[in-house]
């Protein structure tokens, strides 16, 4: 589920935390990275749980209707198809997935009334009313689940829940949204479908852990490379995030032979747009371009394969 870009963000955040908190020791940083990776997976699981629980409200309403003494004609026509369809049931009946929900204690994070409120808002939409029909097809079920998830992402209450429970939502939102959509489109779910979204790719994991380790171990050398290029700038006055991004990028120049220098520069310029000041992208781009040329001339950048060195 995680890409190199996601791992760069996590490494940057950990290095920033260390810079701001004197109590964080270098020995703690690898564990912090592992925790951050787990939180991304928890965020994915939690959103699946929320979708399932909102769908479950349809069943709860059907149960109440059955206990009514004088059900209305609308009550009699109501079918809890949002919950009883094969796609959602493949999640509900997945024992391993449900155990992960229990292990995460997600039921303690949200009160049942919240799901009722969200479902109530969703049920008012005309196209949902048209969906609640016994003749719906698998394609209809998929369409409604994707619409439900779109509705949830725009729902203020839904976003408050996610942000309150998992602070990394803002950084991992596009990652998790893509994973949830992919999961829905692949329903009915196989027994361990969620493993695809766990951080199990060894190469990706190695990149993140190596990047963190190299930046820490080579910090003095990285600073010595960067400072001479800061013309008219006092290195102590450079934004903390900018300096961290510069160190990470130079670290990639020196230690990751399969990553093109141009790709590294582009990645860190993009990160600066999101995580630093409005002027940072030009600053980062200019400094890294100068450093890349200096290191290339000094024969310190070794890349494996053609076209990996920027011209």
C-alpha atoms as a PDB file:
ATOM      1  CA  UNK A   1       0.000   0.000   0.000  1.00  0.00           C
ATOM      2  CA  UNK A   2       2.825   2.398   0.821  1.00  0.00           C
ATOM      3  CA  UNK A   3       4.964   3.965  -1.873  1.00  0.00           C
ATOM      4  CA  UNK A   4       8.399   5.528  -1.573  1.00  0.00           C
ATOM      5  CA  UNK A   5       6.747   8.930  -1.391  1.00  0.00           C
ATOM      6  CA  UNK A   6       4.672   7.868   1.610  1.00  0.00           C
ATOM      7  CA  UNK A   7       7.798   6.569   3.306  1.00  0.00           C
ATOM      8  CA  UNK A   8       9.640   9.817   2.606  1.00  0.00           C
ATOM      9  CA  UNK A   9       6.841  11.689   4.359  1.00  0.00           C
ATOM     10  CA  UNK A  10       7.005   9.390   7.371  1.00  0.00           C
ATOM     11  CA  UNK A  11      10.799   9.665   7.621  1.00  0.00           C
ATOM     12  CA  UNK A  12      10.532  13.458   7.345  1.00  0.00           C
ATOM     13  CA  UNK A  13       7.937  13.585  10.124  1.00  0.00           C
ATOM     14  CA  UNK A  14      10.054  11.409  12.408  1.00  0.00           C
ATOM     15  CA  UNK A  15      13.155  13.536  11.834  1.00  0.00           C
ATOM     16  CA  UNK A  16      11.105  16.668  12.482  1.00  0.00           C
ATOM     17  CA  UNK A  17       9.771  15.206  15.744  1.00  0.00           C
ATOM     18  CA  UNK A  18      13.304  14.400  16.851  1.00  0.00           C
ATOM     19  CA  UNK A  19      14.397  17.947  16.062  1.00  0.00           C
ATOM     20  CA  UNK A  20      11.582  19.418  18.161  1.00  0.00           C
ATOM     21  CA  UNK A  21      11.637  16.949  21.052  1.00  0.00           C
ATOM     22  CA  UNK A  22      14.912  16.565  22.940  1.00  0.00           C
ATOM     23  CA  UNK A  23      13.603  13.468  24.695  1.00  0.00           C
ATOM     24  CA  UNK A  24      13.420  11.446  21.482  1.00  0.00           C
ATOM     25  CA  UNK A  25      16.613   9.435  21.156  1.00  0.00           C
ATOM     26  CA  UNK A  26      18.102   8.158  17.907  1.00  0.00           C
ATOM     27  CA  UNK A  27      17.614   4.597  19.109  1.00  0.00           C
ATOM     28  CA  UNK A  28      13.847   5.246  19.235  1.00  0.00           C
ATOM     29  CA  UNK A  29      13.493   6.347  15.616  1.00  0.00           C
ATOM     30  CA  UNK A  30      13.238   2.925  13.878  1.00  0.00           C
ATOM     31  CA  UNK A  31      10.463   1.965  16.293  1.00  0.00           C
ATOM     32  CA  UNK A  32       8.666   5.235  15.561  1.00  0.00           C
ATOM     33  CA  UNK A  33       8.797   4.392  11.860  1.00  0.00           C
ATOM     34  CA  UNK A  34       7.331   0.941  12.514  1.00  0.00           C
ATOM     35  CA  UNK A  35       4.534   2.538  14.553  1.00  0.00           C
ATOM     36  CA  UNK A  36       3.810   5.030  11.782  1.00  0.00           C
ATOM     37  CA  UNK A  37       3.574   2.221   9.230  1.00  0.00           C
ATOM     38  CA  UNK A  38       1.168   0.307  11.470  1.00  0.00           C
ATOM     39  CA  UNK A  39      -0.974   3.420  11.898  1.00  0.00           C
ATOM     40  CA  UNK A  40      -1.397   3.642   8.131  1.00  0.00           C
ATOM     41  CA  UNK A  41      -2.750   0.101   8.056  1.00  0.00           C
ATOM     42  CA  UNK A  42      -4.951   0.842  11.087  1.00  0.00           C
ATOM     43  CA  UNK A  43      -6.359   3.820   9.214  1.00  0.00           C
ATOM     44  CA  UNK A  44      -7.261   1.557   6.298  1.00  0.00           C
ATOM     45  CA  UNK A  45      -8.905  -0.988   8.621  1.00  0.00           C
ATOM     46  CA  UNK A  46     -10.756   1.688  10.569  1.00  0.00           C
ATOM     47  CA  UNK A  47     -12.320   3.154   7.443  1.00  0.00           C
ATOM     48  CA  UNK A  48     -13.431  -0.301   6.306  1.00  0.00           C
ATOM     49  CA  UNK A  49     -14.956  -0.758   9.758  1.00  0.00           C
ATOM     50  CA  UNK A  50     -16.820   2.556   9.480  1.00  0.00           C
ATOM     51  CA  UNK A  51     -18.229   1.628   6.073  1.00  0.00           C
ATOM     52  CA  UNK A  52     -19.420  -1.725   7.415  1.00  0.00           C
ATOM     53  CA  UNK A  53     -21.028  -0.128  10.476  1.00  0.00           C
ATOM     54  CA  UNK A  54     -22.908   2.469   8.432  1.00  0.00           C
ATOM     55  CA  UNK A  55     -24.239  -0.304   6.187  1.00  0.00           C
ATOM     56  CA  UNK A  56     -25.259  -2.269   9.276  1.00  0.00           C
ATOM     57  CA  UNK A  57     -27.709   0.487  10.213  1.00  0.00           C
ATOM     58  CA  UNK A  58     -29.969  -0.672   7.377  1.00  0.00           C
ATOM     59  CA  UNK A  59     -30.303  -4.037   9.123  1.00  0.00           C
ATOM     60  CA  UNK A  60     -31.008  -2.340  12.457  1.00  0.00           C
ATOM     61  CA  UNK A  61     -33.839  -0.366  10.882  1.00  0.00           C
ATOM     62  CA  UNK A  62     -35.287  -3.538   9.324  1.00  0.00           C
ATOM     63  CA  UNK A  63     -35.205  -5.231  12.741  1.00  0.00           C
ATOM     64  CA  UNK A  64     -37.136  -2.331  14.281  1.00  0.00           C
ATOM     65  CA  UNK A  65     -39.708  -2.420  11.500  1.00  0.00           C
ATOM     66  CA  UNK A  66     -40.363  -6.103  12.186  1.00  0.00           C
ATOM     67  CA  UNK A  67     -41.215  -5.222  15.782  1.00  0.00           C
ATOM     68  CA  UNK A  68     -43.647  -2.478  14.789  1.00  0.00           C
ATOM     69  CA  UNK A  69     -47.303  -3.145  15.577  1.00  0.00           C
ATOM     70  CA  UNK A  70     -48.551  -1.087  12.625  1.00  0.00           C
ATOM     71  CA  UNK A  71     -45.815  -0.730  10.010  1.00  0.00           C
ATOM     72  CA  UNK A  72     -46.416   1.811   7.260  1.00  0.00           C
ATOM     73  CA  UNK A  73     -46.444   0.907   3.562  1.00  0.00           C
ATOM     74  CA  UNK A  74     -42.969   2.435   3.313  1.00  0.00           C
ATOM     75  CA  UNK A  75     -41.841   0.216   6.187  1.00  0.00           C
ATOM     76  CA  UNK A  76     -43.206  -2.866   4.458  1.00  0.00           C
ATOM     77  CA  UNK A  77     -41.272  -2.056   1.291  1.00  0.00           C
ATOM     78  CA  UNK A  78     -37.984  -1.461   3.068  1.00  0.00           C
ATOM     79  CA  UNK A  79     -35.254  -3.998   2.351  1.00  0.00           C
ATOM     80  CA  UNK A  80     -31.877  -3.752   4.164  1.00  0.00           C
ATOM     81  CA  UNK A  81     -30.052  -4.499   0.933  1.00  0.00           C
ATOM     82  CA  UNK A  82     -27.212  -2.108   1.799  1.00  0.00           C
ATOM     83  CA  UNK A  83     -26.173  -4.568   4.501  1.00  0.00           C
ATOM     84  CA  UNK A  84     -27.449  -7.889   3.213  1.00  0.00           C
ATOM     85  CA  UNK A  85     -25.795  -7.790  -0.219  1.00  0.00           C
ATOM     86  CA  UNK A  86     -23.005 -10.262  -0.971  1.00  0.00           C
ATOM     87  CA  UNK A  87     -20.306  -7.599  -1.170  1.00  0.00           C
ATOM     88  CA  UNK A  88     -20.709  -6.234   2.348  1.00  0.00           C
ATOM     89  CA  UNK A  89     -21.458  -9.675   3.712  1.00  0.00           C
ATOM     90  CA  UNK A  90     -18.093 -10.884   2.426  1.00  0.00           C
ATOM     91  CA  UNK A  91     -16.579  -8.410   4.912  1.00  0.00           C
ATOM     92  CA  UNK A  92     -19.011  -9.165   7.715  1.00  0.00           C
ATOM     93  CA  UNK A  93     -18.456 -12.924   7.403  1.00  0.00           C
ATOM     94  CA  UNK A  94     -14.665 -12.595   7.133  1.00  0.00           C
ATOM     95  CA  UNK A  95     -13.601 -13.881  10.560  1.00  0.00           C
ATOM     96  CA  UNK A  96      -9.982 -12.760  10.231  1.00  0.00           C
ATOM     97  CA  UNK A  97     -10.991  -9.232   9.268  1.00  0.00           C
ATOM     98  CA  UNK A  98     -13.480  -9.039  12.138  1.00  0.00           C
ATOM     99  CA  UNK A  99     -10.752 -10.168  14.548  1.00  0.00           C
ATOM    100  CA  UNK A 100      -8.585  -7.296  13.312  1.00  0.00           C
ATOM    101  CA  UNK A 101     -11.467  -4.913  14.016  1.00  0.00           C
ATOM    102  CA  UNK A 102     -11.751  -6.339  17.538  1.00  0.00           C
ATOM    103  CA  UNK A 103      -7.989  -6.211  18.063  1.00  0.00           C
ATOM    104  CA  UNK A 104      -7.984  -2.550  17.038  1.00  0.00           C
ATOM    105  CA  UNK A 105     -10.831  -1.921  19.530  1.00  0.00           C
ATOM    106  CA  UNK A 106     -12.567   0.216  16.931  1.00  0.00           C
ATOM    107  CA  UNK A 107     -15.900  -0.286  18.685  1.00  0.00           C
ATOM    108  CA  UNK A 108     -14.560   1.845  21.553  1.00  0.00           C
ATOM    109  CA  UNK A 109     -13.652   4.685  19.211  1.00  0.00           C
ATOM    110  CA  UNK A 110     -17.153   5.502  17.963  1.00  0.00           C
ATOM    111  CA  UNK A 111     -20.571   5.441  19.633  1.00  0.00           C
ATOM    112  CA  UNK A 112     -23.377   3.620  17.838  1.00  0.00           C
ATOM    113  CA  UNK A 113     -25.477   6.792  17.605  1.00  0.00           C
ATOM    114  CA  UNK A 114     -22.852   8.283  15.299  1.00  0.00           C
ATOM    115  CA  UNK A 115     -23.417   5.541  12.732  1.00  0.00           C
ATOM    116  CA  UNK A 116     -27.172   6.068  12.988  1.00  0.00           C
ATOM    117  CA  UNK A 117     -26.777   9.762  12.317  1.00  0.00           C
ATOM    118  CA  UNK A 118     -24.528   9.256   9.296  1.00  0.00           C
ATOM    119  CA  UNK A 119     -26.809   6.582   7.841  1.00  0.00           C
ATOM    120  CA  UNK A 120     -29.847   8.789   8.384  1.00  0.00           C
ATOM    121  CA  UNK A 121     -28.239  11.540   6.287  1.00  0.00           C
ATOM    122  CA  UNK A 122     -27.203   9.077   3.608  1.00  0.00           C
ATOM    123  CA  UNK A 123     -30.657   7.465   3.444  1.00  0.00           C
ATOM    124  CA  UNK A 124     -32.254  10.815   2.550  1.00  0.00           C
ATOM    125  CA  UNK A 125     -30.507  10.898  -0.809  1.00  0.00           C
ATOM    126  CA  UNK A 126     -32.823  10.090  -3.734  1.00  0.00           C
ATOM    127  CA  UNK A 127     -30.473   7.682  -5.447  1.00  0.00           C
ATOM    128  CA  UNK A 128     -30.155   5.651  -2.255  1.00  0.00           C
ATOM    129  CA  UNK A 129     -33.911   5.358  -2.025  1.00  0.00           C
ATOM    130  CA  UNK A 130     -33.969   4.020  -5.569  1.00  0.00           C
ATOM    131  CA  UNK A 131     -31.267   1.505  -4.685  1.00  0.00           C
ATOM    132  CA  UNK A 132     -33.229  -0.040  -1.812  1.00  0.00           C
ATOM    133  CA  UNK A 133     -34.934  -2.573  -4.059  1.00  0.00           C
ATOM    134  CA  UNK A 134     -34.850  -6.374  -4.088  1.00  0.00           C
ATOM    135  CA  UNK A 135     -33.953  -6.415  -7.790  1.00  0.00           C
ATOM    136  CA  UNK A 136     -30.581  -4.687  -7.357  1.00  0.00           C
ATOM    137  CA  UNK A 137     -27.570  -6.342  -9.014  1.00  0.00           C
ATOM    138  CA  UNK A 138     -23.926  -6.781  -8.050  1.00  0.00           C
ATOM    139  CA  UNK A 139     -23.057  -3.708 -10.104  1.00  0.00           C
ATOM    140  CA  UNK A 140     -25.697  -1.731  -8.219  1.00  0.00           C
ATOM    141  CA  UNK A 141     -24.185  -2.843  -4.927  1.00  0.00           C
ATOM    142  CA  UNK A 142     -20.723  -1.764  -5.987  1.00  0.00           C
ATOM    143  CA  UNK A 143     -21.996   1.588  -7.236  1.00  0.00           C
ATOM    144  CA  UNK A 144     -23.811   2.289  -3.990  1.00  0.00           C
ATOM    145  CA  UNK A 145     -20.778   1.340  -1.875  1.00  0.00           C
ATOM    146  CA  UNK A 146     -18.548   3.659  -3.880  1.00  0.00           C
ATOM    147  CA  UNK A 147     -21.180   6.402  -3.575  1.00  0.00           C
ATOM    148  CA  UNK A 148     -21.423   5.744   0.150  1.00  0.00           C
ATOM    149  CA  UNK A 149     -17.670   6.110   0.532  1.00  0.00           C
ATOM    150  CA  UNK A 150     -17.704   9.343  -1.485  1.00  0.00           C
ATOM    151  CA  UNK A 151     -20.502  10.569   0.771  1.00  0.00           C
ATOM    152  CA  UNK A 152     -18.529   9.621   3.882  1.00  0.00           C
ATOM    153  CA  UNK A 153     -15.385  11.407   2.720  1.00  0.00           C
ATOM    154  CA  UNK A 154     -17.405  14.617   2.364  1.00  0.00           C
ATOM    155  CA  UNK A 155     -19.227  14.092   5.655  1.00  0.00           C
ATOM    156  CA  UNK A 156     -17.978  16.368   8.420  1.00  0.00           C
ATOM    157  CA  UNK A 157     -18.801  13.910  11.183  1.00  0.00           C
ATOM    158  CA  UNK A 158     -16.984  11.067   9.410  1.00  0.00           C
ATOM    159  CA  UNK A 159     -13.862  13.174   8.977  1.00  0.00           C
ATOM    160  CA  UNK A 160     -13.944  14.300  12.593  1.00  0.00           C
ATOM    161  CA  UNK A 161     -14.070  10.677  13.727  1.00  0.00           C
ATOM    162  CA  UNK A 162     -11.103   9.666  11.594  1.00  0.00           C
ATOM    163  CA  UNK A 163      -9.022  12.711  12.498  1.00  0.00           C
ATOM    164  CA  UNK A 164      -9.746  12.327  16.218  1.00  0.00           C
ATOM    165  CA  UNK A 165      -8.673   8.698  16.290  1.00  0.00           C
ATOM    166  CA  UNK A 166      -5.767   8.651  13.836  1.00  0.00           C
ATOM    167  CA  UNK A 167      -3.733  11.814  13.425  1.00  0.00           C
ATOM    168  CA  UNK A 168      -2.056  10.547  10.241  1.00  0.00           C
ATOM    169  CA  UNK A 169      -5.267  10.831   8.167  1.00  0.00           C
ATOM    170  CA  UNK A 170      -4.197  14.096   6.525  1.00  0.00           C
ATOM    171  CA  UNK A 171      -0.898  12.590   5.344  1.00  0.00           C
ATOM    172  CA  UNK A 172      -2.255   9.192   4.335  1.00  0.00           C
ATOM    173  CA  UNK A 173      -5.650  10.242   2.956  1.00  0.00           C
ATOM    174  CA  UNK A 174      -4.944   9.688  -0.748  1.00  0.00           C
ATOM    175  CA  UNK A 175      -3.163   6.435   0.072  1.00  0.00           C
ATOM    176  CA  UNK A 176      -6.045   5.044   2.124  1.00  0.00           C
ATOM    177  CA  UNK A 177      -8.766   6.350  -0.193  1.00  0.00           C
ATOM    178  CA  UNK A 178      -7.131   4.503  -3.074  1.00  0.00           C
ATOM    179  CA  UNK A 179      -6.835   1.333  -0.999  1.00  0.00           C
ATOM    180  CA  UNK A 180     -10.489   1.425   0.091  1.00  0.00           C
ATOM    181  CA  UNK A 181     -11.685   1.951  -3.481  1.00  0.00           C
ATOM    182  CA  UNK A 182      -9.510  -0.909  -4.687  1.00  0.00           C
ATOM    183  CA  UNK A 183     -10.912  -3.144  -1.949  1.00  0.00           C
ATOM    184  CA  UNK A 184     -14.516  -2.292  -2.846  1.00  0.00           C
ATOM    185  CA  UNK A 185     -13.978  -2.939  -6.548  1.00  0.00           C
ATOM    186  CA  UNK A 186     -12.527  -6.364  -5.721  1.00  0.00           C
ATOM    187  CA  UNK A 187     -15.469  -7.462  -3.536  1.00  0.00           C
ATOM    188  CA  UNK A 188     -16.598 -10.094  -2.638  1.00  0.00           C
ATOM    189  CA  UNK A 189     -13.483 -10.264  -0.485  1.00  0.00           C
ATOM    190  CA  UNK A 190     -11.151 -13.215  -0.270  1.00  0.00           C
ATOM    191  CA  UNK A 191     -10.163 -14.483   3.170  1.00  0.00           C
ATOM    192  CA  UNK A 192      -6.971 -12.444   3.634  1.00  0.00           C
ATOM    193  CA  UNK A 193      -7.502  -9.694   1.042  1.00  0.00           C
ATOM    194  CA  UNK A 194      -6.306  -7.038   3.497  1.00  0.00           C
ATOM    195  CA  UNK A 195      -2.748  -8.371   3.431  1.00  0.00           C
ATOM    196  CA  UNK A 196      -2.275  -6.610   0.112  1.00  0.00           C
ATOM    197  CA  UNK A 197      -2.506  -3.343   2.033  1.00  0.00           C
ATOM    198  CA  UNK A 198      -0.125  -4.279   4.824  1.00  0.00           C
ATOM    199  CA  UNK A 199       3.446  -3.028   4.595  1.00  0.00           C
ATOM    200  CA  UNK A 200       4.994  -6.296   3.500  1.00  0.00           C
ATOM    201  CA  UNK A 201       7.005  -5.306   0.424  1.00  0.00           C
ATOM    202  CA  UNK A 202      10.597  -5.853   1.527  1.00  0.00           C
ATOM    203  CA  UNK A 203      12.141  -3.430  -0.963  1.00  0.00           C
ATOM    204  CA  UNK A 204       9.764  -0.617  -0.011  1.00  0.00           C
ATOM    205  CA  UNK A 205      10.282  -1.250   3.698  1.00  0.00           C
ATOM    206  CA  UNK A 206      14.043  -1.387   3.244  1.00  0.00           C
ATOM    207  CA  UNK A 207      14.016   1.951   1.446  1.00  0.00           C
ATOM    208  CA  UNK A 208      12.255   3.684   4.334  1.00  0.00           C
ATOM    209  CA  UNK A 209      14.369   2.137   7.050  1.00  0.00           C
ATOM    210  CA  UNK A 210      17.622   2.698   5.150  1.00  0.00           C
ATOM    211  CA  UNK A 211      16.738   6.311   4.404  1.00  0.00           C
ATOM    212  CA  UNK A 212      16.080   6.994   8.076  1.00  0.00           C
ATOM    213  CA  UNK A 213      19.268   5.228   9.159  1.00  0.00           C
ATOM    214  CA  UNK A 214      21.499   6.931   6.589  1.00  0.00           C
ATOM    215  CA  UNK A 215      20.229  10.420   7.403  1.00  0.00           C
ATOM    216  CA  UNK A 216      20.911   9.830  11.082  1.00  0.00           C
ATOM    217  CA  UNK A 217      24.318   8.196  10.625  1.00  0.00           C
ATOM    218  CA  UNK A 218      25.528  10.678   7.988  1.00  0.00           C
ATOM    219  CA  UNK A 219      24.018  13.845   9.440  1.00  0.00           C
ATOM    220  CA  UNK A 220      27.320  15.685   9.878  1.00  0.00           C
ATOM    221  CA  UNK A 221      28.517  14.825   6.364  1.00  0.00           C
ATOM    222  CA  UNK A 222      25.145  15.837   4.896  1.00  0.00           C
ATOM    223  CA  UNK A 223      25.237  19.173   6.712  1.00  0.00           C
ATOM    224  CA  UNK A 224      28.799  19.769   5.483  1.00  0.00           C
ATOM    225  CA  UNK A 225      27.668  19.197   1.891  1.00  0.00           C
ATOM    226  CA  UNK A 226      24.610  21.439   2.170  1.00  0.00           C
ATOM    227  CA  UNK A 227      25.979  24.483   4.012  1.00  0.00           C
ATOM    228  CA  UNK A 228      28.432  25.704   1.307  1.00  0.00           C
ATOM    229  CA  UNK A 229      25.581  25.869  -1.219  1.00  0.00           C
ATOM    230  CA  UNK A 230      23.437  28.150   0.946  1.00  0.00           C
ATOM    231  CA  UNK A 231      24.650  31.378  -0.625  1.00  0.00           C
ATOM    232  CA  UNK A 232      23.363  34.434   1.237  1.00  0.00           C
ATOM    233  CA  UNK A 233      21.598  32.120   3.659  1.00  0.00           C
ATOM    234  CA  UNK A 234      22.460  31.419   7.273  1.00  0.00           C
ATOM    235  CA  UNK A 235      21.989  27.658   7.645  1.00  0.00           C
ATOM    236  CA  UNK A 236      20.612  28.232  11.135  1.00  0.00           C
ATOM    237  CA  UNK A 237      17.791  30.317   9.669  1.00  0.00           C
ATOM    238  CA  UNK A 238      16.739  27.790   7.022  1.00  0.00           C
ATOM    239  CA  UNK A 239      13.309  26.358   7.827  1.00  0.00           C
ATOM    240  CA  UNK A 240      13.639  23.139   9.835  1.00  0.00           C
ATOM    241  CA  UNK A 241      11.521  21.175   7.362  1.00  0.00           C
ATOM    242  CA  UNK A 242      13.569  22.502   4.443  1.00  0.00           C
ATOM    243  CA  UNK A 243      16.831  21.409   6.040  1.00  0.00           C
ATOM    244  CA  UNK A 244      15.412  17.962   6.750  1.00  0.00           C
ATOM    245  CA  UNK A 245      14.227  17.626   3.157  1.00  0.00           C
ATOM    246  CA  UNK A 246      17.633  18.724   1.858  1.00  0.00           C
ATOM    247  CA  UNK A 247      19.422  16.164   4.018  1.00  0.00           C
ATOM    248  CA  UNK A 248      17.082  13.393   2.918  1.00  0.00           C
ATOM    249  CA  UNK A 249      17.526  14.285  -0.755  1.00  0.00           C
ATOM    250  CA  UNK A 250      21.329  14.458  -0.542  1.00  0.00           C
ATOM    251  CA  UNK A 251      21.229  11.165   1.309  1.00  0.00           C
ATOM    252  CA  UNK A 252      19.370   9.665  -1.675  1.00  0.00           C
ATOM    253  CA  UNK A 253      21.955  11.108  -4.067  1.00  0.00           C
ATOM    254  CA  UNK A 254      24.725   9.330  -2.187  1.00  0.00           C
ATOM    255  CA  UNK A 255      23.183   6.055  -1.038  1.00  0.00           C
ATOM    256  CA  UNK A 256      20.429   4.903  -3.403  1.00  0.00           C
ATOM    257  CA  UNK A 257      22.012   3.988  -6.703  1.00  0.00           C
ATOM    258  CA  UNK A 258      18.760   2.925  -8.392  1.00  0.00           C
ATOM    259  CA  UNK A 259      16.922   6.236  -7.837  1.00  0.00           C
ATOM    260  CA  UNK A 260      17.596   8.852 -10.545  1.00  0.00           C
ATOM    261  CA  UNK A 261      18.893  12.180  -9.235  1.00  0.00           C
ATOM    262  CA  UNK A 262      16.203  14.040 -11.182  1.00  0.00           C
ATOM    263  CA  UNK A 263      13.488  11.897  -9.573  1.00  0.00           C
ATOM    264  CA  UNK A 264      14.912  12.654  -6.130  1.00  0.00           C
ATOM    265  CA  UNK A 265      14.895  16.400  -6.771  1.00  0.00           C
ATOM    266  CA  UNK A 266      11.326  16.302  -8.099  1.00  0.00           C
ATOM    267  CA  UNK A 267      10.097  14.276  -5.125  1.00  0.00           C
ATOM    268  CA  UNK A 268      11.505  16.643  -2.519  1.00  0.00           C
ATOM    269  CA  UNK A 269      10.342  19.744  -4.362  1.00  0.00           C
ATOM    270  CA  UNK A 270       6.835  18.231  -4.312  1.00  0.00           C
ATOM    271  CA  UNK A 271       7.073  17.463  -0.604  1.00  0.00           C
ATOM    272  CA  UNK A 272       8.145  21.035   0.123  1.00  0.00           C
ATOM    273  CA  UNK A 273       4.968  22.317  -1.555  1.00  0.00           C
ATOM    274  CA  UNK A 274       2.852  20.412   0.945  1.00  0.00           C
ATOM    275  CA  UNK A 275       4.911  20.514   4.121  1.00  0.00           C
ATOM    276  CA  UNK A 276       6.913  23.745   4.035  1.00  0.00           C
ATOM    277  CA  UNK A 277       6.620  27.421   3.094  1.00  0.00           C
ATOM    278  CA  UNK A 278       5.367  28.850  -0.235  1.00  0.00           C
ATOM    279  CA  UNK A 279       8.917  29.824  -1.225  1.00  0.00           C
ATOM    280  CA  UNK A 280      10.463  26.500  -0.244  1.00  0.00           C
ATOM    281  CA  UNK A 281       9.921  24.716  -3.556  1.00  0.00           C
ATOM    282  CA  UNK A 282      12.176  27.149  -5.436  1.00  0.00           C
ATOM    283  CA  UNK A 283      14.721  27.145  -2.622  1.00  0.00           C
ATOM    284  CA  UNK A 284      14.817  23.332  -2.426  1.00  0.00           C
ATOM    285  CA  UNK A 285      15.002  22.983  -6.200  1.00  0.00           C
ATOM    286  CA  UNK A 286      17.875  25.474  -6.534  1.00  0.00           C
ATOM    287  CA  UNK A 287      19.952  24.094  -3.668  1.00  0.00           C
ATOM    288  CA  UNK A 288      19.546  20.468  -4.722  1.00  0.00           C
ATOM    289  CA  UNK A 289      20.412  21.275  -8.320  1.00  0.00           C
ATOM    290  CA  UNK A 290      23.678  22.911  -7.211  1.00  0.00           C
ATOM    291  CA  UNK A 291      24.513  20.069  -4.821  1.00  0.00           C
ATOM    292  CA  UNK A 292      23.772  17.435  -7.447  1.00  0.00           C
ATOM    293  CA  UNK A 293      26.148  19.116  -9.917  1.00  0.00           C
ATOM    294  CA  UNK A 294      28.885  19.531  -7.282  1.00  0.00           C
ATOM    295  CA  UNK A 295      28.645  15.913  -6.156  1.00  0.00           C
ATOM    296  CA  UNK A 296      28.603  14.669  -9.738  1.00  0.00           C
ATOM    297  CA  UNK A 297      31.762  16.622 -10.550  1.00  0.00           C
ATOM    298  CA  UNK A 298      33.385  15.206  -7.429  1.00  0.00           C
ATOM    299  CA  UNK A 299      32.360  11.714  -8.588  1.00  0.00           C
ATOM    300  CA  UNK A 300      30.466  11.120  -5.341  1.00  0.00           C
ATOM    301  CA  UNK A 301      27.183  10.130  -6.990  1.00  0.00           C
ATOM    302  CA  UNK A 302      27.179   6.591  -8.316  1.00  0.00           C
ATOM    303  CA  UNK A 303      24.048   5.422 -10.108  1.00  0.00           C
ATOM    304  CA  UNK A 304      23.413   1.990 -11.591  1.00  0.00           C
ATOM    305  CA  UNK A 305      21.941   2.168 -15.076  1.00  0.00           C
ATOM    306  CA  UNK A 306      21.627   4.679 -17.888  1.00  0.00           C
ATOM    307  CA  UNK A 307      19.772   7.951 -17.482  1.00  0.00           C
ATOM    308  CA  UNK A 308      19.875   7.943 -13.683  1.00  0.00           C
ATOM    309  CA  UNK A 309      22.068  11.045 -13.451  1.00  0.00           C
ATOM    310  CA  UNK A 310      20.398  14.339 -14.264  1.00  0.00           C
ATOM    311  CA  UNK A 311      22.064  16.387 -16.965  1.00  0.00           C
END
